[in-house]
Amino acid sequence: PGQERSQLEEEFRIIKRPLIKNAMGDTAAQLDRANLIMVTSALPGEGKTYTAINLAMSMALELDHTVLLVDADVVHPSVLDRLGLPPAKGLMDLLTDPGLDLSDVLLRTNIPKLVVLPAGTPSSRSTELLASGVMEELLDELAQSYDDRIVIFDTPPLLPSTESRVLATHMGQVAVVVEADQ
């Protein structure tokens, strides 16, 4: 943000427009949790985290929306590292510690309308935690707390893990990143 306009910036504008329309527009009434958008890929290394971060930053520049970027790649979290932030409590901690509140683990960024929810402490039971009733309640809270909020989930790749398959059943929209020429 704040740089001169670039072709990459324009490409993310093109990508975000239908997602925002689905999340907040006329079709939102037809989609359950339309403002929860999962970004995934088939395999590691195809650019899903890069896409999730840039999509979240692009959407945060919108005048009428705020964005929560969730590092739901609990197997190999990298959002904090890519943003130059140290590891912190987050999603997995919310699912395992009933005394922890969402506001305790959200991280503000230098982009005024962008907040990050880290992946948190790794767990060998991550699939089961993401499929739990506690996660269902958290997703409801994320989807309904703010009328103007769009929530972007950076999730693990689909083929080597089960976490994304569990999360996909709870999302309003899914964006699949495919490596070019592959």
N, C-alpha and C. Protein backbone atom coordinates (compact mmCIF):
# COMPACT_ATOMS: atom_id res chain seq x y z
N PRO A 1 0.82 -1.21 0.00
CA PRO A 1 0.00 0.00 0.00
C PRO A 1 0.86 1.26 0.00
N GLY A 2 0.39 2.27 -0.71
CA GLY A 2 1.14 3.52 -0.76
C GLY A 2 2.12 3.62 -1.91
N GLN A 3 2.35 2.52 -2.60
CA GLN A 3 3.27 2.53 -3.75
C GLN A 3 2.52 3.02 -4.98
N GLU A 4 3.27 3.31 -6.05
CA GLU A 4 2.63 3.66 -7.31
C GLU A 4 1.83 2.46 -7.82
N ARG A 5 0.81 2.75 -8.60
CA ARG A 5 -0.01 1.67 -9.17
C ARG A 5 0.86 0.72 -9.98
N SER A 6 0.56 -0.57 -9.85
CA SER A 6 1.33 -1.56 -10.59
C SER A 6 0.38 -2.55 -11.25
N GLN A 7 0.92 -3.33 -12.18
CA GLN A 7 0.12 -4.36 -12.85
C GLN A 7 -0.36 -5.40 -11.83
N LEU A 8 0.51 -5.76 -10.89
CA LEU A 8 0.14 -6.73 -9.87
C LEU A 8 -1.03 -6.22 -9.02
N GLU A 9 -0.97 -4.96 -8.66
CA GLU A 9 -2.06 -4.35 -7.88
C GLU A 9 -3.37 -4.42 -8.66
N GLU A 10 -3.32 -4.18 -9.95
CA GLU A 10 -4.51 -4.25 -10.79
C GLU A 10 -5.05 -5.68 -10.87
N GLU A 11 -4.15 -6.64 -10.93
CA GLU A 11 -4.58 -8.04 -10.98
C GLU A 11 -5.31 -8.43 -9.71
N PHE A 12 -4.84 -7.96 -8.56
CA PHE A 12 -5.54 -8.27 -7.31
C PHE A 12 -6.88 -7.52 -7.23
N ARG A 13 -6.97 -6.35 -7.84
CA ARG A 13 -8.26 -5.65 -7.92
C ARG A 13 -9.27 -6.48 -8.72
N ILE A 14 -8.79 -7.09 -9.79
CA ILE A 14 -9.67 -7.93 -10.62
C ILE A 14 -10.12 -9.16 -9.82
N ILE A 15 -9.22 -9.77 -9.10
CA ILE A 15 -9.54 -10.97 -8.33
C ILE A 15 -10.51 -10.65 -7.18
N LYS A 16 -10.30 -9.53 -6.50
CA LYS A 16 -11.10 -9.24 -5.30
C LYS A 16 -12.52 -8.82 -5.61
N ARG A 17 -12.74 -8.20 -6.77
CA ARG A 17 -14.06 -7.63 -7.05
C ARG A 17 -15.19 -8.65 -6.95
N PRO A 18 -15.13 -9.82 -7.63
CA PRO A 18 -16.24 -10.78 -7.49
C PRO A 18 -16.33 -11.39 -6.09
N LEU A 19 -15.20 -11.53 -5.42
CA LEU A 19 -15.22 -12.06 -4.05
C LEU A 19 -15.95 -11.10 -3.11
N ILE A 20 -15.67 -9.82 -3.25
CA ILE A 20 -16.35 -8.82 -2.43
C ILE A 20 -17.84 -8.78 -2.77
N LYS A 21 -18.14 -8.84 -4.06
CA LYS A 21 -19.55 -8.82 -4.47
C LYS A 21 -20.30 -10.00 -3.87
N ASN A 22 -19.69 -11.17 -3.90
CA ASN A 22 -20.32 -12.35 -3.30
C ASN A 22 -20.46 -12.19 -1.79
N ALA A 23 -19.43 -11.61 -1.17
CA ALA A 23 -19.43 -11.48 0.29
C ALA A 23 -20.42 -10.43 0.79
N MET A 24 -20.57 -9.35 0.06
CA MET A 24 -21.35 -8.22 0.56
C MET A 24 -22.51 -7.82 -0.34
N GLY A 25 -22.56 -8.36 -1.54
CA GLY A 25 -23.56 -7.93 -2.51
C GLY A 25 -24.85 -8.72 -2.42
N ASP A 26 -25.60 -8.68 -3.52
CA ASP A 26 -26.90 -9.33 -3.59
C ASP A 26 -26.83 -10.84 -3.36
N THR A 27 -25.74 -11.46 -3.80
CA THR A 27 -25.64 -12.92 -3.66
C THR A 27 -25.31 -13.33 -2.23
N ALA A 28 -24.88 -12.39 -1.39
CA ALA A 28 -24.50 -12.73 -0.01
C ALA A 28 -25.65 -13.35 0.75
N ALA A 29 -26.87 -12.94 0.46
CA ALA A 29 -28.03 -13.50 1.15
C ALA A 29 -28.20 -14.98 0.81
N GLN A 30 -27.69 -15.38 -0.34
CA GLN A 30 -27.84 -16.77 -0.78
C GLN A 30 -26.70 -17.66 -0.29
N LEU A 31 -25.59 -17.08 0.08
CA LEU A 31 -24.44 -17.85 0.53
C LEU A 31 -24.31 -17.77 2.04
N ASP A 32 -24.19 -18.91 2.69
CA ASP A 32 -23.96 -18.93 4.12
C ASP A 32 -22.50 -18.57 4.38
N ARG A 33 -22.27 -17.65 5.29
CA ARG A 33 -20.92 -17.19 5.63
C ARG A 33 -20.16 -16.69 4.39
N ALA A 34 -20.81 -15.94 3.55
CA ALA A 34 -20.23 -15.47 2.29
C ALA A 34 -18.97 -14.64 2.51
N ASN A 35 -18.84 -14.02 3.69
CA ASN A 35 -17.66 -13.18 3.96
C ASN A 35 -16.46 -13.99 4.44
N LEU A 36 -16.59 -15.30 4.58
CA LEU A 36 -15.45 -16.16 4.93
C LEU A 36 -14.90 -16.74 3.63
N ILE A 37 -13.68 -16.34 3.28
CA ILE A 37 -13.08 -16.73 2.01
C ILE A 37 -11.80 -17.53 2.26
N MET A 38 -11.81 -18.75 1.79
CA MET A 38 -10.67 -19.64 1.95
C MET A 38 -9.78 -19.54 0.71
N VAL A 39 -8.47 -19.40 0.94
CA VAL A 39 -7.50 -19.40 -0.16
C VAL A 39 -6.64 -20.65 0.02
N THR A 40 -6.63 -21.50 -0.99
CA THR A 40 -5.87 -22.74 -0.91
C THR A 40 -5.24 -23.05 -2.27
N SER A 41 -4.55 -24.16 -2.34
CA SER A 41 -3.97 -24.65 -3.59
C SER A 41 -3.98 -26.17 -3.52
N ALA A 42 -3.64 -26.81 -4.61
CA ALA A 42 -3.57 -28.27 -4.59
C ALA A 42 -2.31 -28.74 -3.87
N LEU A 43 -1.19 -28.08 -4.16
CA LEU A 43 0.11 -28.50 -3.63
C LEU A 43 0.84 -27.33 -3.00
N PRO A 44 1.82 -27.61 -2.14
CA PRO A 44 2.63 -26.53 -1.57
C PRO A 44 3.43 -25.81 -2.66
N GLY A 45 3.72 -24.54 -2.42
CA GLY A 45 4.58 -23.79 -3.32
C GLY A 45 3.88 -23.17 -4.52
N GLU A 46 2.54 -23.19 -4.54
CA GLU A 46 1.82 -22.64 -5.69
C GLU A 46 1.45 -21.16 -5.50
N GLY A 47 1.72 -20.60 -4.34
CA GLY A 47 1.48 -19.18 -4.13
C GLY A 47 0.24 -18.83 -3.34
N LYS A 48 -0.32 -19.76 -2.58
CA LYS A 48 -1.55 -19.48 -1.86
C LYS A 48 -1.36 -18.46 -0.74
N THR A 49 -0.27 -18.54 -0.01
CA THR A 49 -0.03 -17.57 1.07
C THR A 49 0.24 -16.19 0.49
N TYR A 50 1.03 -16.13 -0.55
CA TYR A 50 1.29 -14.88 -1.25
C TYR A 50 -0.02 -14.25 -1.71
N THR A 51 -0.88 -15.08 -2.29
CA THR A 51 -2.18 -14.60 -2.78
C THR A 51 -3.07 -14.16 -1.63
N ALA A 52 -3.13 -14.94 -0.56
CA ALA A 52 -3.98 -14.59 0.59
C ALA A 52 -3.55 -13.25 1.20
N ILE A 53 -2.26 -13.06 1.38
CA ILE A 53 -1.75 -11.81 1.97
C ILE A 53 -2.05 -10.63 1.07
N ASN A 54 -1.76 -10.75 -0.21
CA ASN A 54 -1.99 -9.64 -1.14
C ASN A 54 -3.46 -9.37 -1.37
N LEU A 55 -4.27 -10.41 -1.37
CA LEU A 55 -5.71 -10.23 -1.48
C LEU A 55 -6.25 -9.50 -0.26
N ALA A 56 -5.78 -9.89 0.92
CA ALA A 56 -6.21 -9.23 2.16
C ALA A 56 -5.79 -7.76 2.17
N MET A 57 -4.55 -7.48 1.74
CA MET A 57 -4.10 -6.08 1.69
C MET A 57 -4.91 -5.27 0.68
N SER A 58 -5.20 -5.87 -0.47
CA SER A 58 -5.97 -5.17 -1.48
C SER A 58 -7.39 -4.89 -0.97
N MET A 59 -8.00 -5.86 -0.33
CA MET A 59 -9.35 -5.66 0.21
C MET A 59 -9.37 -4.64 1.34
N ALA A 60 -8.28 -4.56 2.11
CA ALA A 60 -8.20 -3.60 3.22
C ALA A 60 -8.15 -2.16 2.71
N LEU A 61 -7.81 -1.97 1.45
CA LEU A 61 -7.80 -0.63 0.87
C LEU A 61 -9.19 -0.15 0.47
N GLU A 62 -10.16 -1.06 0.49
CA GLU A 62 -11.54 -0.70 0.18
C GLU A 62 -12.05 0.29 1.23
N LEU A 63 -12.89 1.20 0.83
CA LEU A 63 -13.42 2.21 1.74
C LEU A 63 -14.45 1.64 2.71
N ASP A 64 -15.18 0.62 2.29
CA ASP A 64 -16.32 0.15 3.06
C ASP A 64 -16.10 -1.17 3.80
N HIS A 65 -14.88 -1.69 3.81
CA HIS A 65 -14.67 -3.01 4.40
C HIS A 65 -13.42 -3.05 5.27
N THR A 66 -13.47 -3.91 6.29
CA THR A 66 -12.27 -4.25 7.06
C THR A 66 -11.94 -5.70 6.75
N VAL A 67 -10.70 -6.10 7.02
CA VAL A 67 -10.25 -7.44 6.66
C VAL A 67 -9.55 -8.09 7.84
N LEU A 68 -9.90 -9.35 8.06
CA LEU A 68 -9.18 -10.19 9.01
C LEU A 68 -8.51 -11.28 8.21
N LEU A 69 -7.19 -11.37 8.29
CA LEU A 69 -6.41 -12.41 7.62
C LEU A 69 -6.09 -13.49 8.66
N VAL A 70 -6.60 -14.69 8.43
CA VAL A 70 -6.40 -15.81 9.36
C VAL A 70 -5.36 -16.75 8.78
N ASP A 71 -4.29 -16.98 9.54
CA ASP A 71 -3.31 -17.99 9.12
C ASP A 71 -3.83 -19.34 9.59
N ALA A 72 -4.64 -19.95 8.73
CA ALA A 72 -5.22 -21.25 9.05
C ALA A 72 -4.38 -22.39 8.48
N ASP A 73 -3.21 -22.08 7.95
CA ASP A 73 -2.27 -23.13 7.54
C ASP A 73 -1.54 -23.56 8.80
N VAL A 74 -2.26 -24.29 9.63
CA VAL A 74 -1.75 -24.65 10.94
C VAL A 74 -0.67 -25.72 10.87
N VAL A 75 -0.51 -26.34 9.71
CA VAL A 75 0.54 -27.33 9.51
C VAL A 75 1.88 -26.65 9.26
N HIS A 76 1.88 -25.66 8.36
CA HIS A 76 3.08 -24.89 8.04
C HIS A 76 2.74 -23.40 7.98
N PRO A 77 2.48 -22.78 9.11
CA PRO A 77 2.10 -21.36 9.10
C PRO A 77 3.25 -20.49 8.62
N SER A 78 2.92 -19.48 7.80
CA SER A 78 3.98 -18.61 7.32
C SER A 78 3.56 -17.15 7.18
N VAL A 79 2.31 -16.83 7.48
CA VAL A 79 1.84 -15.45 7.33
C VAL A 79 2.66 -14.50 8.21
N LEU A 80 2.83 -14.84 9.48
CA LEU A 80 3.58 -13.94 10.38
C LEU A 80 5.01 -13.76 9.90
N ASP A 81 5.63 -14.83 9.49
CA ASP A 81 7.01 -14.75 9.00
C ASP A 81 7.10 -13.85 7.78
N ARG A 82 6.17 -14.00 6.85
CA ARG A 82 6.19 -13.17 5.64
C ARG A 82 5.90 -11.71 5.92
N LEU A 83 5.17 -11.46 7.00
CA LEU A 83 4.89 -10.08 7.39
C LEU A 83 5.95 -9.52 8.35
N GLY A 84 6.96 -10.34 8.66
CA GLY A 84 8.04 -9.89 9.54
C GLY A 84 7.65 -9.82 11.00
N LEU A 85 6.69 -10.67 11.41
CA LEU A 85 6.23 -10.68 12.79
C LEU A 85 6.69 -11.95 13.49
N PRO A 86 6.93 -11.88 14.80
CA PRO A 86 7.35 -13.07 15.54
C PRO A 86 6.16 -14.01 15.78
N PRO A 87 6.43 -15.29 16.06
CA PRO A 87 5.34 -16.24 16.36
C PRO A 87 4.50 -15.72 17.53
N ALA A 88 3.20 -16.03 17.48
CA ALA A 88 2.29 -15.56 18.52
C ALA A 88 1.15 -16.55 18.68
N LYS A 89 0.46 -16.44 19.82
CA LYS A 89 -0.72 -17.26 20.03
C LYS A 89 -1.76 -16.90 18.98
N GLY A 90 -2.63 -17.89 18.67
CA GLY A 90 -3.62 -17.61 17.63
C GLY A 90 -4.72 -18.65 17.58
N LEU A 91 -5.06 -19.05 16.36
CA LEU A 91 -6.20 -19.91 16.09
C LEU A 91 -6.19 -21.20 16.90
N MET A 92 -5.11 -21.94 16.87
CA MET A 92 -5.05 -23.21 17.60
C MET A 92 -5.21 -22.99 19.11
N ASP A 93 -4.67 -21.90 19.61
CA ASP A 93 -4.79 -21.59 21.03
C ASP A 93 -6.24 -21.27 21.40
N LEU A 94 -6.95 -20.57 20.52
CA LEU A 94 -8.36 -20.28 20.75
C LEU A 94 -9.18 -21.57 20.85
N LEU A 95 -8.79 -22.57 20.07
CA LEU A 95 -9.54 -23.82 20.04
C LEU A 95 -9.22 -24.74 21.22
N THR A 96 -8.09 -24.51 21.87
CA THR A 96 -7.69 -25.39 22.98
C THR A 96 -7.78 -24.73 24.36
N ASP A 97 -7.82 -23.42 24.42
CA ASP A 97 -7.85 -22.71 25.70
C ASP A 97 -9.15 -21.93 25.85
N PRO A 98 -10.11 -22.46 26.62
CA PRO A 98 -11.41 -21.80 26.76
C PRO A 98 -11.32 -20.43 27.43
N GLY A 99 -10.23 -20.15 28.12
CA GLY A 99 -10.07 -18.86 28.79
C GLY A 99 -9.55 -17.76 27.87
N LEU A 100 -9.19 -18.12 26.65
CA LEU A 100 -8.63 -17.16 25.71
C LEU A 100 -9.74 -16.56 24.86
N ASP A 101 -9.68 -15.25 24.66
CA ASP A 101 -10.68 -14.55 23.86
C ASP A 101 -10.07 -14.16 22.52
N LEU A 102 -10.89 -14.06 21.49
CA LEU A 102 -10.42 -13.69 20.16
C LEU A 102 -9.61 -12.40 20.20
N SER A 103 -10.06 -11.43 20.95
CA SER A 103 -9.36 -10.14 21.02
C SER A 103 -7.95 -10.27 21.61
N ASP A 104 -7.71 -11.36 22.36
CA ASP A 104 -6.39 -11.58 22.97
C ASP A 104 -5.32 -11.96 21.95
N VAL A 105 -5.73 -12.47 20.80
CA VAL A 105 -4.75 -13.01 19.85
C VAL A 105 -4.72 -12.28 18.50
N LEU A 106 -5.57 -11.29 18.32
CA LEU A 106 -5.56 -10.53 17.07
C LEU A 106 -4.39 -9.56 17.05
N LEU A 107 -3.73 -9.45 15.91
CA LEU A 107 -2.59 -8.56 15.74
C LEU A 107 -2.94 -7.44 14.77
N ARG A 108 -2.75 -6.22 15.21
CA ARG A 108 -2.95 -5.07 14.32
C ARG A 108 -1.76 -4.97 13.39
N THR A 109 -1.98 -4.39 12.22
CA THR A 109 -0.90 -4.19 11.26
C THR A 109 -0.77 -2.69 10.99
N ASN A 110 0.21 -2.32 10.19
CA ASN A 110 0.36 -0.91 9.83
C ASN A 110 -0.60 -0.50 8.71
N ILE A 111 -1.42 -1.43 8.27
CA ILE A 111 -2.50 -1.14 7.33
C ILE A 111 -3.76 -0.99 8.19
N PRO A 112 -4.33 0.21 8.25
CA PRO A 112 -5.39 0.50 9.22
C PRO A 112 -6.57 -0.47 9.25
N LYS A 113 -6.97 -1.05 8.15
CA LYS A 113 -8.16 -1.89 8.14
C LYS A 113 -7.83 -3.37 8.00
N LEU A 114 -6.59 -3.75 8.34
CA LEU A 114 -6.16 -5.14 8.25
C LEU A 114 -5.68 -5.64 9.60
N VAL A 115 -6.29 -6.74 10.06
CA VAL A 115 -5.92 -7.39 11.31
C VAL A 115 -5.56 -8.84 10.98
N VAL A 116 -4.61 -9.42 11.74
CA VAL A 116 -4.15 -10.78 11.50
C VAL A 116 -4.45 -11.66 12.71
N LEU A 117 -4.96 -12.87 12.42
CA LEU A 117 -5.12 -13.91 13.43
C LEU A 117 -4.07 -14.98 13.12
N PRO A 118 -3.02 -15.08 13.93
CA PRO A 118 -1.96 -16.08 13.68
C PRO A 118 -2.48 -17.51 13.80
N ALA A 119 -1.70 -18.46 13.31
CA ALA A 119 -2.05 -19.87 13.43
C ALA A 119 -1.96 -20.34 14.87
N GLY A 120 -1.01 -19.79 15.61
CA GLY A 120 -0.89 -20.16 17.02
C GLY A 120 -0.01 -21.37 17.24
N THR A 121 -0.18 -22.01 18.39
CA THR A 121 0.64 -23.13 18.81
C THR A 121 0.27 -24.39 18.02
N PRO A 122 1.24 -25.02 17.35
CA PRO A 122 0.95 -26.23 16.57
C PRO A 122 0.34 -27.34 17.44
N SER A 123 -0.51 -28.14 16.81
CA SER A 123 -1.14 -29.26 17.51
C SER A 123 -1.18 -30.48 16.60
N SER A 124 -0.94 -31.64 17.16
CA SER A 124 -1.03 -32.88 16.38
C SER A 124 -2.49 -33.23 16.08
N ARG A 125 -3.42 -32.55 16.74
CA ARG A 125 -4.85 -32.80 16.55
C ARG A 125 -5.51 -31.66 15.75
N SER A 126 -4.75 -31.01 14.88
CA SER A 126 -5.27 -29.83 14.20
C SER A 126 -6.53 -30.11 13.38
N THR A 127 -6.59 -31.23 12.68
CA THR A 127 -7.79 -31.53 11.89
C THR A 127 -9.01 -31.65 12.79
N GLU A 128 -8.85 -32.36 13.90
CA GLU A 128 -9.97 -32.55 14.82
C GLU A 128 -10.39 -31.23 15.46
N LEU A 129 -9.42 -30.39 15.77
CA LEU A 129 -9.75 -29.08 16.36
C LEU A 129 -10.50 -28.20 15.36
N LEU A 130 -10.06 -28.24 14.11
CA LEU A 130 -10.73 -27.43 13.08
C LEU A 130 -12.12 -27.96 12.75
N ALA A 131 -12.38 -29.23 13.05
CA ALA A 131 -13.69 -29.83 12.81
C ALA A 131 -14.60 -29.77 14.04
N SER A 132 -14.13 -29.16 15.11
CA SER A 132 -14.85 -29.16 16.38
C SER A 132 -15.98 -28.15 16.45
N GLY A 133 -16.82 -28.33 17.45
CA GLY A 133 -17.89 -27.37 17.72
C GLY A 133 -17.34 -26.02 18.12
N VAL A 134 -16.20 -25.99 18.79
CA VAL A 134 -15.57 -24.72 19.17
C VAL A 134 -15.19 -23.93 17.92
N MET A 135 -14.66 -24.62 16.91
CA MET A 135 -14.32 -23.95 15.65
C MET A 135 -15.58 -23.44 14.96
N GLU A 136 -16.63 -24.23 15.00
CA GLU A 136 -17.91 -23.82 14.40
C GLU A 136 -18.40 -22.52 15.04
N GLU A 137 -18.31 -22.43 16.36
CA GLU A 137 -18.72 -21.22 17.08
C GLU A 137 -17.81 -20.04 16.72
N LEU A 138 -16.50 -20.29 16.61
CA LEU A 138 -15.56 -19.24 16.24
C LEU A 138 -15.87 -18.73 14.83
N LEU A 139 -16.14 -19.62 13.90
CA LEU A 139 -16.46 -19.22 12.52
C LEU A 139 -17.74 -18.39 12.49
N ASP A 140 -18.72 -18.77 13.29
CA ASP A 140 -19.96 -17.97 13.37
C ASP A 140 -19.65 -16.57 13.90
N GLU A 141 -18.81 -16.51 14.92
CA GLU A 141 -18.43 -15.21 15.49
C GLU A 141 -17.70 -14.36 14.44
N LEU A 142 -16.75 -14.97 13.73
CA LEU A 142 -16.01 -14.24 12.70
C LEU A 142 -16.91 -13.76 11.58
N ALA A 143 -17.87 -14.59 11.19
CA ALA A 143 -18.75 -14.25 10.07
C ALA A 143 -19.78 -13.19 10.44
N GLN A 144 -20.16 -13.12 11.72
CA GLN A 144 -21.29 -12.27 12.09
C GLN A 144 -20.94 -11.05 12.94
N SER A 145 -19.74 -10.98 13.49
CA SER A 145 -19.41 -9.91 14.43
C SER A 145 -19.44 -8.52 13.82
N TYR A 146 -18.93 -8.38 12.61
CA TYR A 146 -18.85 -7.08 11.96
C TYR A 146 -19.47 -7.17 10.57
N ASP A 147 -20.42 -6.30 10.29
CA ASP A 147 -21.10 -6.31 8.99
C ASP A 147 -20.16 -6.00 7.83
N ASP A 148 -19.10 -5.23 8.10
CA ASP A 148 -18.21 -4.80 7.01
C ASP A 148 -16.96 -5.67 6.87
N ARG A 149 -16.83 -6.71 7.69
CA ARG A 149 -15.59 -7.50 7.71
C ARG A 149 -15.60 -8.64 6.72
N ILE A 150 -14.49 -8.75 6.00
CA ILE A 150 -14.22 -9.90 5.15
C ILE A 150 -13.09 -10.67 5.81
N VAL A 151 -13.23 -11.98 5.89
CA VAL A 151 -12.24 -12.82 6.55
C VAL A 151 -11.58 -13.72 5.51
N ILE A 152 -10.28 -13.56 5.36
CA ILE A 152 -9.49 -14.35 4.40
C ILE A 152 -8.73 -15.41 5.19
N PHE A 153 -8.90 -16.67 4.81
CA PHE A 153 -8.22 -17.79 5.45
C PHE A 153 -7.13 -18.32 4.53
N ASP A 154 -5.87 -18.25 4.97
CA ASP A 154 -4.78 -18.93 4.26
C ASP A 154 -4.74 -20.34 4.83
N THR A 155 -5.08 -21.33 4.02
CA THR A 155 -5.20 -22.70 4.52
C THR A 155 -4.12 -23.60 3.91
N PRO A 156 -3.94 -24.80 4.47
CA PRO A 156 -2.96 -25.72 3.89
C PRO A 156 -3.38 -26.15 2.48
N PRO A 157 -2.43 -26.64 1.69
CA PRO A 157 -2.79 -27.18 0.38
C PRO A 157 -3.73 -28.38 0.54
N LEU A 158 -4.56 -28.61 -0.46
CA LEU A 158 -5.60 -29.63 -0.37
C LEU A 158 -5.09 -31.08 -0.39
N LEU A 159 -4.14 -31.37 -1.26
CA LEU A 159 -3.76 -32.77 -1.44
C LEU A 159 -2.94 -33.38 -0.30
N PRO A 160 -1.95 -32.68 0.28
CA PRO A 160 -1.14 -33.34 1.31
C PRO A 160 -1.71 -33.28 2.73
N SER A 161 -2.87 -32.64 2.93
CA SER A 161 -3.38 -32.52 4.30
C SER A 161 -4.90 -32.61 4.33
N THR A 162 -5.45 -32.80 5.52
CA THR A 162 -6.90 -32.90 5.67
C THR A 162 -7.53 -31.63 6.24
N GLU A 163 -6.72 -30.73 6.77
CA GLU A 163 -7.25 -29.52 7.39
C GLU A 163 -8.08 -28.68 6.42
N SER A 164 -7.61 -28.52 5.20
CA SER A 164 -8.32 -27.69 4.23
C SER A 164 -9.67 -28.29 3.85
N ARG A 165 -9.73 -29.59 3.78
CA ARG A 165 -11.00 -30.23 3.44
C ARG A 165 -12.04 -29.97 4.53
N VAL A 166 -11.60 -29.99 5.78
CA VAL A 166 -12.50 -29.70 6.89
C VAL A 166 -12.95 -28.24 6.83
N LEU A 167 -12.01 -27.32 6.63
CA LEU A 167 -12.34 -25.90 6.58
C LEU A 167 -13.25 -25.54 5.41
N ALA A 168 -13.04 -26.17 4.26
CA ALA A 168 -13.81 -25.84 3.06
C ALA A 168 -15.31 -26.03 3.28
N THR A 169 -15.69 -26.97 4.12
CA THR A 169 -17.11 -27.22 4.36
C THR A 169 -17.78 -26.10 5.15
N HIS A 170 -16.99 -25.21 5.74
CA HIS A 170 -17.53 -24.13 6.57
C HIS A 170 -17.39 -22.75 5.94
N MET A 171 -16.78 -22.66 4.77
CA MET A 171 -16.51 -21.38 4.14
C MET A 171 -17.63 -20.97 3.20
N GLY A 172 -17.79 -19.67 3.02
CA GLY A 172 -18.75 -19.16 2.06
C GLY A 172 -18.20 -19.18 0.65
N GLN A 173 -16.88 -18.97 0.52
CA GLN A 173 -16.23 -18.95 -0.79
C GLN A 173 -14.86 -19.62 -0.67
N VAL A 174 -14.43 -20.23 -1.77
CA VAL A 174 -13.11 -20.86 -1.82
C VAL A 174 -12.41 -20.38 -3.08
N ALA A 175 -11.19 -19.86 -2.92
CA ALA A 175 -10.35 -19.47 -4.05
C ALA A 175 -9.19 -20.44 -4.12
N VAL A 176 -9.02 -21.08 -5.27
CA VAL A 176 -7.95 -22.06 -5.44
C VAL A 176 -6.87 -21.45 -6.31
N VAL A 177 -5.65 -21.39 -5.78
CA VAL A 177 -4.50 -20.85 -6.50
C VAL A 177 -3.85 -22.00 -7.27
N VAL A 178 -3.60 -21.76 -8.55
CA VAL A 178 -2.97 -22.77 -9.41
C VAL A 178 -1.70 -22.17 -9.99
N GLU A 179 -0.61 -22.88 -9.86
CA GLU A 179 0.66 -22.40 -10.41
C GLU A 179 0.57 -22.32 -11.94
N ALA A 180 1.04 -21.22 -12.48
CA ALA A 180 0.98 -21.02 -13.93
C ALA A 180 1.80 -22.07 -14.68
N ASP A 181 1.33 -22.46 -15.81
CA ASP A 181 2.01 -23.40 -16.70
C ASP A 181 2.24 -24.78 -16.09
N GLN A 182 1.43 -25.15 -15.13
CA GLN A 182 1.58 -26.47 -14.49
C GLN A 182 0.30 -27.26 -14.63
